[in-house]
Amino acid sequence: MSARYELFTGSNSQYYFRLKASNDKTILQSEGYVNKGGAQNGVESVRQHSPFDKFYDRRTSNAREPYFVLYASNGKIIGTSQMYSSTYARDEGIASVKQNGPNAPLVDLT
């Protein structure tokens, strides 16, 4: 299966999106949106910002697990990655978002 965005609703009735790599692993997930249009705009924001390294913040959790956050040009968080086992794996995740983010199709699961 190819990389794709999935639009879905959570148990709290909010809308979310996630970017899945071709291996079906989630590489980026959004925060909740009150309406579907907000989540769709979030996908467009990832498409716009994901190619550029300056919008990524490489972080380490309190449990010392590397992860990253993708920001929009207005400074708001667009999405957060999974926790990775190493900084190398995290950087590979960023590379995957850079590669797949701009053109992955959107699958509406709502």
N, C-alpha and C. Protein backbone atom coordinates (compact mmCIF):
# COMPACT_ATOMS: atom_id res chain seq x y z
N MET A 1 0.85 -1.18 0.00
CA MET A 1 0.00 0.00 0.00
C MET A 1 0.89 1.25 0.00
N SER A 2 0.47 2.28 -0.65
CA SER A 2 1.27 3.50 -0.73
C SER A 2 1.00 4.41 0.47
N ALA A 3 1.86 5.39 0.65
CA ALA A 3 1.69 6.37 1.72
C ALA A 3 0.37 7.10 1.51
N ARG A 4 -0.24 7.53 2.63
CA ARG A 4 -1.53 8.19 2.55
C ARG A 4 -1.84 8.94 3.84
N TYR A 5 -2.70 9.92 3.72
CA TYR A 5 -3.31 10.55 4.88
C TYR A 5 -4.62 9.83 5.15
N GLU A 6 -4.92 9.63 6.42
CA GLU A 6 -6.22 9.09 6.80
C GLU A 6 -6.91 10.12 7.68
N LEU A 7 -8.14 10.44 7.32
CA LEU A 7 -8.97 11.35 8.09
C LEU A 7 -9.95 10.48 8.87
N PHE A 8 -10.03 10.68 10.18
CA PHE A 8 -10.88 9.82 11.01
C PHE A 8 -11.42 10.59 12.21
N THR A 9 -12.40 10.00 12.88
CA THR A 9 -12.93 10.60 14.10
C THR A 9 -12.50 9.74 15.28
N GLY A 10 -12.22 10.42 16.39
CA GLY A 10 -11.85 9.74 17.61
C GLY A 10 -13.07 9.45 18.47
N SER A 11 -12.84 8.77 19.58
CA SER A 11 -13.93 8.44 20.50
C SER A 11 -14.54 9.69 21.13
N ASN A 12 -13.83 10.82 21.05
CA ASN A 12 -14.32 12.09 21.59
C ASN A 12 -15.08 12.90 20.54
N SER A 13 -15.37 12.29 19.38
CA SER A 13 -16.09 12.91 18.26
C SER A 13 -15.31 14.03 17.58
N GLN A 14 -14.03 14.16 17.86
CA GLN A 14 -13.21 15.13 17.15
C GLN A 14 -12.62 14.47 15.91
N TYR A 15 -12.18 15.32 14.98
CA TYR A 15 -11.59 14.85 13.73
C TYR A 15 -10.06 14.91 13.84
N TYR A 16 -9.42 13.91 13.27
CA TYR A 16 -7.98 13.79 13.28
C TYR A 16 -7.51 13.37 11.89
N PHE A 17 -6.22 13.57 11.64
CA PHE A 17 -5.61 12.96 10.47
C PHE A 17 -4.29 12.35 10.90
N ARG A 18 -3.88 11.36 10.16
CA ARG A 18 -2.55 10.76 10.35
C ARG A 18 -1.96 10.52 8.98
N LEU A 19 -0.65 10.63 8.92
CA LEU A 19 0.08 10.30 7.70
C LEU A 19 0.71 8.94 7.91
N LYS A 20 0.35 8.01 7.03
CA LYS A 20 0.89 6.66 7.12
C LYS A 20 1.89 6.43 6.00
N ALA A 21 2.98 5.80 6.35
CA ALA A 21 4.00 5.44 5.35
C ALA A 21 3.53 4.21 4.57
N SER A 22 4.26 3.87 3.53
CA SER A 22 3.88 2.73 2.70
C SER A 22 3.92 1.41 3.46
N ASN A 23 4.63 1.36 4.60
CA ASN A 23 4.66 0.15 5.42
C ASN A 23 3.50 0.13 6.42
N ASP A 24 2.57 1.06 6.30
CA ASP A 24 1.35 1.19 7.11
C ASP A 24 1.59 1.71 8.53
N LYS A 25 2.80 2.19 8.81
CA LYS A 25 3.08 2.78 10.11
C LYS A 25 2.74 4.26 10.10
N THR A 26 2.16 4.73 11.20
CA THR A 26 1.83 6.14 11.33
C THR A 26 3.11 6.92 11.59
N ILE A 27 3.38 7.92 10.76
CA ILE A 27 4.59 8.72 10.93
C ILE A 27 4.30 10.13 11.43
N LEU A 28 3.03 10.53 11.38
CA LEU A 28 2.64 11.85 11.89
C LEU A 28 1.16 11.82 12.19
N GLN A 29 0.78 12.38 13.34
CA GLN A 29 -0.64 12.45 13.68
C GLN A 29 -0.97 13.84 14.21
N SER A 30 -2.17 14.27 13.89
CA SER A 30 -2.63 15.60 14.30
C SER A 30 -3.21 15.58 15.70
N GLU A 31 -3.45 16.76 16.20
CA GLU A 31 -4.27 16.94 17.38
C GLU A 31 -5.72 16.93 16.91
N GLY A 32 -6.67 16.94 17.84
CA GLY A 32 -8.08 16.90 17.48
C GLY A 32 -8.59 18.22 16.93
N TYR A 33 -9.52 18.13 16.01
CA TYR A 33 -10.20 19.29 15.42
C TYR A 33 -11.69 19.16 15.69
N VAL A 34 -12.35 20.26 15.93
CA VAL A 34 -13.79 20.26 16.21
C VAL A 34 -14.58 19.90 14.96
N ASN A 35 -14.10 20.32 13.79
CA ASN A 35 -14.84 20.01 12.58
C ASN A 35 -13.93 19.39 11.52
N LYS A 36 -14.55 18.74 10.57
CA LYS A 36 -13.84 18.03 9.52
C LYS A 36 -12.99 18.97 8.67
N GLY A 37 -13.52 20.16 8.39
CA GLY A 37 -12.78 21.13 7.58
C GLY A 37 -11.47 21.52 8.22
N GLY A 38 -11.44 21.62 9.55
CA GLY A 38 -10.20 21.94 10.24
C GLY A 38 -9.15 20.87 10.03
N ALA A 39 -9.57 19.61 10.10
CA ALA A 39 -8.63 18.50 9.88
C ALA A 39 -8.15 18.49 8.43
N GLN A 40 -9.04 18.78 7.49
CA GLN A 40 -8.64 18.83 6.08
C GLN A 40 -7.65 19.97 5.85
N ASN A 41 -7.86 21.10 6.51
CA ASN A 41 -6.90 22.20 6.41
C ASN A 41 -5.56 21.80 7.01
N GLY A 42 -5.58 20.99 8.07
CA GLY A 42 -4.35 20.49 8.67
C GLY A 42 -3.55 19.65 7.69
N VAL A 43 -4.23 18.81 6.93
CA VAL A 43 -3.55 18.01 5.90
C VAL A 43 -2.89 18.92 4.88
N GLU A 44 -3.61 19.95 4.45
CA GLU A 44 -3.04 20.89 3.48
C GLU A 44 -1.82 21.61 4.06
N SER A 45 -1.86 21.89 5.35
CA SER A 45 -0.73 22.54 6.00
C SER A 45 0.49 21.62 6.03
N VAL A 46 0.27 20.33 6.28
CA VAL A 46 1.38 19.37 6.23
C VAL A 46 1.95 19.32 4.81
N ARG A 47 1.08 19.28 3.84
CA ARG A 47 1.55 19.25 2.45
C ARG A 47 2.43 20.46 2.13
N GLN A 48 2.06 21.61 2.67
CA GLN A 48 2.79 22.85 2.41
C GLN A 48 4.11 22.92 3.18
N HIS A 49 4.12 22.49 4.43
CA HIS A 49 5.28 22.69 5.30
C HIS A 49 6.24 21.50 5.38
N SER A 50 5.76 20.31 5.08
CA SER A 50 6.58 19.10 5.30
C SER A 50 7.88 19.04 4.51
N PRO A 51 8.01 19.65 3.34
CA PRO A 51 9.29 19.53 2.64
C PRO A 51 10.45 20.31 3.28
N PHE A 52 10.15 21.20 4.21
CA PHE A 52 11.16 22.14 4.69
C PHE A 52 11.63 21.82 6.11
N ASP A 53 12.91 21.58 6.25
CA ASP A 53 13.50 21.17 7.53
C ASP A 53 13.25 22.19 8.64
N LYS A 54 13.14 23.46 8.30
CA LYS A 54 13.00 24.49 9.33
C LYS A 54 11.69 24.36 10.11
N PHE A 55 10.72 23.58 9.63
CA PHE A 55 9.45 23.42 10.34
C PHE A 55 9.42 22.20 11.26
N TYR A 56 10.55 21.48 11.36
CA TYR A 56 10.63 20.30 12.22
C TYR A 56 11.38 20.65 13.51
N ASP A 57 10.84 20.18 14.61
CA ASP A 57 11.51 20.32 15.90
C ASP A 57 11.82 18.91 16.39
N ARG A 58 13.09 18.59 16.47
CA ARG A 58 13.54 17.28 16.94
C ARG A 58 13.59 17.31 18.46
N ARG A 59 12.88 16.39 19.07
CA ARG A 59 12.74 16.40 20.53
C ARG A 59 13.06 15.04 21.12
N THR A 60 13.17 15.03 22.46
CA THR A 60 13.34 13.79 23.22
C THR A 60 12.34 13.84 24.37
N SER A 61 11.59 12.76 24.55
CA SER A 61 10.58 12.70 25.60
C SER A 61 11.25 12.55 26.98
N ASN A 62 10.45 12.68 28.02
CA ASN A 62 10.95 12.47 29.38
C ASN A 62 11.49 11.06 29.57
N ALA A 63 10.97 10.12 28.78
CA ALA A 63 11.45 8.73 28.82
C ALA A 63 12.65 8.52 27.90
N ARG A 64 13.22 9.62 27.41
CA ARG A 64 14.40 9.61 26.54
C ARG A 64 14.17 8.96 25.18
N GLU A 65 12.95 9.06 24.68
CA GLU A 65 12.63 8.54 23.36
C GLU A 65 12.58 9.70 22.37
N PRO A 66 13.32 9.61 21.28
CA PRO A 66 13.30 10.67 20.27
C PRO A 66 11.96 10.71 19.53
N TYR A 67 11.53 11.91 19.19
CA TYR A 67 10.36 12.12 18.36
C TYR A 67 10.48 13.49 17.71
N PHE A 68 9.52 13.85 16.87
CA PHE A 68 9.55 15.18 16.25
C PHE A 68 8.16 15.78 16.18
N VAL A 69 8.16 17.09 16.02
CA VAL A 69 6.93 17.86 15.86
C VAL A 69 7.08 18.67 14.58
N LEU A 70 6.01 18.76 13.80
CA LEU A 70 5.99 19.58 12.60
C LEU A 70 5.16 20.82 12.89
N TYR A 71 5.75 21.98 12.64
CA TYR A 71 5.10 23.27 12.87
C TYR A 71 4.68 23.91 11.56
N ALA A 72 3.64 24.74 11.65
CA ALA A 72 3.25 25.61 10.54
C ALA A 72 4.06 26.89 10.64
N SER A 73 4.01 27.70 9.60
CA SER A 73 4.76 28.97 9.61
C SER A 73 4.25 29.94 10.67
N ASN A 74 3.02 29.74 11.17
CA ASN A 74 2.50 30.60 12.24
C ASN A 74 2.91 30.11 13.63
N GLY A 75 3.72 29.06 13.70
CA GLY A 75 4.21 28.55 14.97
C GLY A 75 3.33 27.51 15.64
N LYS A 76 2.20 27.18 15.05
CA LYS A 76 1.31 26.18 15.64
C LYS A 76 1.72 24.78 15.21
N ILE A 77 1.55 23.83 16.13
CA ILE A 77 1.87 22.43 15.84
C ILE A 77 0.84 21.87 14.87
N ILE A 78 1.33 21.26 13.80
CA ILE A 78 0.45 20.59 12.84
C ILE A 78 0.32 19.12 13.21
N GLY A 79 1.43 18.50 13.58
CA GLY A 79 1.40 17.08 13.89
C GLY A 79 2.61 16.66 14.69
N THR A 80 2.46 15.51 15.33
CA THR A 80 3.51 14.94 16.19
C THR A 80 3.77 13.51 15.73
N SER A 81 5.01 13.11 15.80
CA SER A 81 5.38 11.75 15.38
C SER A 81 5.15 10.75 16.51
N GLN A 82 5.39 9.51 16.18
CA GLN A 82 5.47 8.45 17.17
C GLN A 82 6.78 8.60 17.95
N MET A 83 6.96 7.82 18.97
CA MET A 83 8.24 7.76 19.68
C MET A 83 9.13 6.77 18.94
N TYR A 84 10.40 7.11 18.82
CA TYR A 84 11.36 6.28 18.10
C TYR A 84 12.39 5.69 19.05
N SER A 85 13.05 4.64 18.60
CA SER A 85 14.05 3.94 19.41
C SER A 85 15.41 4.62 19.38
N SER A 86 15.63 5.49 18.38
CA SER A 86 16.92 6.16 18.25
C SER A 86 16.74 7.47 17.49
N THR A 87 17.74 8.34 17.58
CA THR A 87 17.68 9.58 16.81
C THR A 87 17.77 9.28 15.32
N TYR A 88 18.50 8.23 14.95
CA TYR A 88 18.58 7.84 13.55
C TYR A 88 17.18 7.47 13.02
N ALA A 89 16.43 6.66 13.80
CA ALA A 89 15.09 6.26 13.38
C ALA A 89 14.17 7.48 13.29
N ARG A 90 14.31 8.41 14.23
CA ARG A 90 13.51 9.65 14.19
C ARG A 90 13.82 10.42 12.91
N ASP A 91 15.09 10.55 12.59
CA ASP A 91 15.48 11.30 11.40
C ASP A 91 14.99 10.61 10.12
N GLU A 92 14.91 9.30 10.13
CA GLU A 92 14.33 8.57 9.00
C GLU A 92 12.83 8.85 8.91
N GLY A 93 12.18 8.99 10.06
CA GLY A 93 10.76 9.37 10.08
C GLY A 93 10.54 10.74 9.47
N ILE A 94 11.40 11.68 9.81
CA ILE A 94 11.32 13.03 9.23
C ILE A 94 11.52 12.95 7.72
N ALA A 95 12.50 12.17 7.28
CA ALA A 95 12.74 12.01 5.84
C ALA A 95 11.50 11.45 5.14
N SER A 96 10.82 10.53 5.80
CA SER A 96 9.61 9.94 5.21
C SER A 96 8.49 10.97 5.10
N VAL A 97 8.33 11.82 6.11
CA VAL A 97 7.31 12.86 6.04
C VAL A 97 7.67 13.86 4.94
N LYS A 98 8.95 14.22 4.84
CA LYS A 98 9.37 15.13 3.79
C LYS A 98 9.06 14.57 2.40
N GLN A 99 9.28 13.28 2.23
CA GLN A 99 9.07 12.63 0.95
C GLN A 99 7.59 12.43 0.65
N ASN A 100 6.83 11.94 1.62
CA ASN A 100 5.44 11.56 1.38
C ASN A 100 4.42 12.67 1.66
N GLY A 101 4.76 13.60 2.55
CA GLY A 101 3.81 14.62 2.97
C GLY A 101 3.23 15.48 1.86
N PRO A 102 4.04 15.93 0.90
CA PRO A 102 3.49 16.86 -0.10
C PRO A 102 2.45 16.26 -1.04
N ASN A 103 2.53 14.97 -1.30
CA ASN A 103 1.69 14.41 -2.37
C ASN A 103 0.84 13.20 -1.99
N ALA A 104 0.92 12.76 -0.75
CA ALA A 104 0.13 11.58 -0.37
C ALA A 104 -1.37 11.87 -0.51
N PRO A 105 -2.12 10.92 -1.01
CA PRO A 105 -3.57 11.13 -1.14
C PRO A 105 -4.26 11.08 0.22
N LEU A 106 -5.44 11.67 0.28
CA LEU A 106 -6.25 11.69 1.50
C LEU A 106 -7.34 10.63 1.39
N VAL A 107 -7.39 9.76 2.40
CA VAL A 107 -8.44 8.73 2.48
C VAL A 107 -9.36 9.14 3.64
N ASP A 108 -10.62 9.36 3.33
CA ASP A 108 -11.60 9.80 4.33
C ASP A 108 -12.25 8.57 4.97
N LEU A 109 -11.95 8.34 6.24
CA LEU A 109 -12.50 7.19 6.96
C LEU A 109 -13.69 7.58 7.84
N THR A 110 -14.16 8.82 7.72
CA THR A 110 -15.25 9.28 8.58
C THR A 110 -16.59 8.79 8.07
